[in-house]
């Protein structure tokens, strides 16, 4: 688990890989959900498992992370 690049050691490179995985998580999850529950739509848009970690996944992830940031910023004033 700690060794992200499977070189047998835990190094700073592994931390970068964790951050990369965390960044792509929303996009990859949306791709997985669409492949699992809406195969007709993913087939029409030519989305498949090869899209994990791709530019398409990155764009989806950016939109999700921005939406989370906006949600947190707009609701944070209620907490104070």
C-alpha atoms as a PDB file:
ATOM      1  CA  UNK A   1       0.000   0.000   0.000  1.00  0.00           C
ATOM      2  CA  UNK A   2       2.746   2.462   0.895  1.00  0.00           C
ATOM      3  CA  UNK A   3       4.895   1.553  -2.090  1.00  0.00           C
ATOM      4  CA  UNK A   4       3.003   3.203  -4.945  1.00  0.00           C
ATOM      5  CA  UNK A   5       5.472   2.452  -7.727  1.00  0.00           C
ATOM      6  CA  UNK A   6       6.260  -1.122  -6.549  1.00  0.00           C
ATOM      7  CA  UNK A   7      10.014  -0.595  -6.396  1.00  0.00           C
ATOM      8  CA  UNK A   8      10.243  -2.211  -2.957  1.00  0.00           C
ATOM      9  CA  UNK A   9      10.906   1.044  -1.097  1.00  0.00           C
ATOM     10  CA  UNK A  10       8.828   3.885   0.306  1.00  0.00           C
ATOM     11  CA  UNK A  11      10.128   7.133  -1.194  1.00  0.00           C
ATOM     12  CA  UNK A  12       8.968  10.648  -1.982  1.00  0.00           C
ATOM     13  CA  UNK A  13       7.898   9.433  -5.424  1.00  0.00           C
ATOM     14  CA  UNK A  14       5.261   7.300  -3.734  1.00  0.00           C
ATOM     15  CA  UNK A  15       3.747  10.391  -2.121  1.00  0.00           C
ATOM     16  CA  UNK A  16       3.441  11.984  -5.567  1.00  0.00           C
ATOM     17  CA  UNK A  17       1.698   8.878  -6.840  1.00  0.00           C
ATOM     18  CA  UNK A  18      -0.740   9.013  -3.927  1.00  0.00           C
ATOM     19  CA  UNK A  19      -1.560  12.625  -4.778  1.00  0.00           C
ATOM     20  CA  UNK A  20      -2.027  11.703  -8.423  1.00  0.00           C
ATOM     21  CA  UNK A  21      -4.359   8.866  -7.456  1.00  0.00           C
ATOM     22  CA  UNK A  22      -6.315  11.182  -5.163  1.00  0.00           C
ATOM     23  CA  UNK A  23      -6.642  13.788  -7.915  1.00  0.00           C
ATOM     24  CA  UNK A  24      -7.951  11.276 -10.473  1.00  0.00           C
ATOM     25  CA  UNK A  25     -10.268   9.522  -8.012  1.00  0.00           C
ATOM     26  CA  UNK A  26     -13.447  11.536  -8.815  1.00  0.00           C
ATOM     27  CA  UNK A  27     -13.020  11.244 -12.588  1.00  0.00           C
ATOM     28  CA  UNK A  28     -12.148   7.565 -12.469  1.00  0.00           C
ATOM     29  CA  UNK A  29     -15.102   6.935 -10.170  1.00  0.00           C
ATOM     30  CA  UNK A  30     -17.488   8.700 -12.533  1.00  0.00           C
ATOM     31  CA  UNK A  31     -16.115   6.666 -15.434  1.00  0.00           C
ATOM     32  CA  UNK A  32     -16.527   3.442 -13.449  1.00  0.00           C
ATOM     33  CA  UNK A  33     -20.093   4.328 -12.452  1.00  0.00           C
ATOM     34  CA  UNK A  34     -21.024   5.153 -16.025  1.00  0.00           C
ATOM     35  CA  UNK A  35     -19.454   1.934 -17.329  1.00  0.00           C
ATOM     36  CA  UNK A  36     -21.252  -0.087 -14.676  1.00  0.00           C
ATOM     37  CA  UNK A  37     -24.690   1.524 -14.714  1.00  0.00           C
ATOM     38  CA  UNK A  38     -25.000   3.284 -18.089  1.00  0.00           C
ATOM     39  CA  UNK A  39     -23.154   1.124 -20.634  1.00  0.00           C
ATOM     40  CA  UNK A  40     -25.216   2.433 -23.553  1.00  0.00           C
ATOM     41  CA  UNK A  41     -24.159   6.007 -22.844  1.00  0.00           C
ATOM     42  CA  UNK A  42     -20.497   5.115 -22.402  1.00  0.00           C
ATOM     43  CA  UNK A  43     -20.573   3.085 -25.592  1.00  0.00           C
ATOM     44  CA  UNK A  44     -22.086   6.025 -27.492  1.00  0.00           C
ATOM     45  CA  UNK A  45     -19.377   8.382 -26.191  1.00  0.00           C
ATOM     46  CA  UNK A  46     -16.681   5.716 -26.703  1.00  0.00           C
ATOM     47  CA  UNK A  47     -15.690   5.694 -23.041  1.00  0.00           C
ATOM     48  CA  UNK A  48     -14.033   2.538 -21.745  1.00  0.00           C
ATOM     49  CA  UNK A  49     -11.702   1.403 -18.985  1.00  0.00           C
ATOM     50  CA  UNK A  50      -8.741   2.817 -20.901  1.00  0.00           C
ATOM     51  CA  UNK A  51     -10.006   6.271 -19.874  1.00  0.00           C
ATOM     52  CA  UNK A  52      -8.926   5.755 -16.251  1.00  0.00           C
ATOM     53  CA  UNK A  53      -6.197   8.295 -15.492  1.00  0.00           C
ATOM     54  CA  UNK A  54      -6.637   9.957 -18.888  1.00  0.00           C
ATOM     55  CA  UNK A  55      -7.194  13.578 -19.894  1.00  0.00           C
ATOM     56  CA  UNK A  56     -10.938  12.903 -19.855  1.00  0.00           C
ATOM     57  CA  UNK A  57     -10.702  11.641 -16.283  1.00  0.00           C
ATOM     58  CA  UNK A  58      -8.608  14.690 -15.364  1.00  0.00           C
ATOM     59  CA  UNK A  59     -11.265  17.042 -16.758  1.00  0.00           C
ATOM     60  CA  UNK A  60     -13.998  15.260 -14.827  1.00  0.00           C
ATOM     61  CA  UNK A  61     -11.854  15.399 -11.701  1.00  0.00           C
ATOM     62  CA  UNK A  62     -11.210  19.128 -12.090  1.00  0.00           C
ATOM     63  CA  UNK A  63     -14.947  19.808 -12.317  1.00  0.00           C
ATOM     64  CA  UNK A  64     -15.650  17.664  -9.255  1.00  0.00           C
ATOM     65  CA  UNK A  65     -12.847  19.216  -7.193  1.00  0.00           C
ATOM     66  CA  UNK A  66     -14.007  22.711  -8.203  1.00  0.00           C
ATOM     67  CA  UNK A  67     -17.581  21.847  -7.243  1.00  0.00           C
ATOM     68  CA  UNK A  68     -16.359  20.585  -3.859  1.00  0.00           C
ATOM     69  CA  UNK A  69     -14.342  23.781  -3.335  1.00  0.00           C
ATOM     70  CA  UNK A  70     -17.317  25.991  -4.228  1.00  0.00           C
ATOM     71  CA  UNK A  71     -19.573  23.957  -1.955  1.00  0.00           C
ATOM     72  CA  UNK A  72     -17.128  24.269   0.929  1.00  0.00           C
ATOM     73  CA  UNK A  73     -16.620  27.990   0.371  1.00  0.00           C
ATOM     74  CA  UNK A  74     -20.328  28.743   0.122  1.00  0.00           C
ATOM     75  CA  UNK A  75     -21.265  26.704   3.171  1.00  0.00           C
ATOM     76  CA  UNK A  76     -18.323  27.675   5.382  1.00  0.00           C
ATOM     77  CA  UNK A  77     -19.937  30.945   6.426  1.00  0.00           C
ATOM     78  CA  UNK A  78     -22.728  28.944   8.091  1.00  0.00           C
ATOM     79  CA  UNK A  79     -20.189  27.308  10.354  1.00  0.00           C
ATOM     80  CA  UNK A  80     -18.925  30.579  11.825  1.00  0.00           C
END
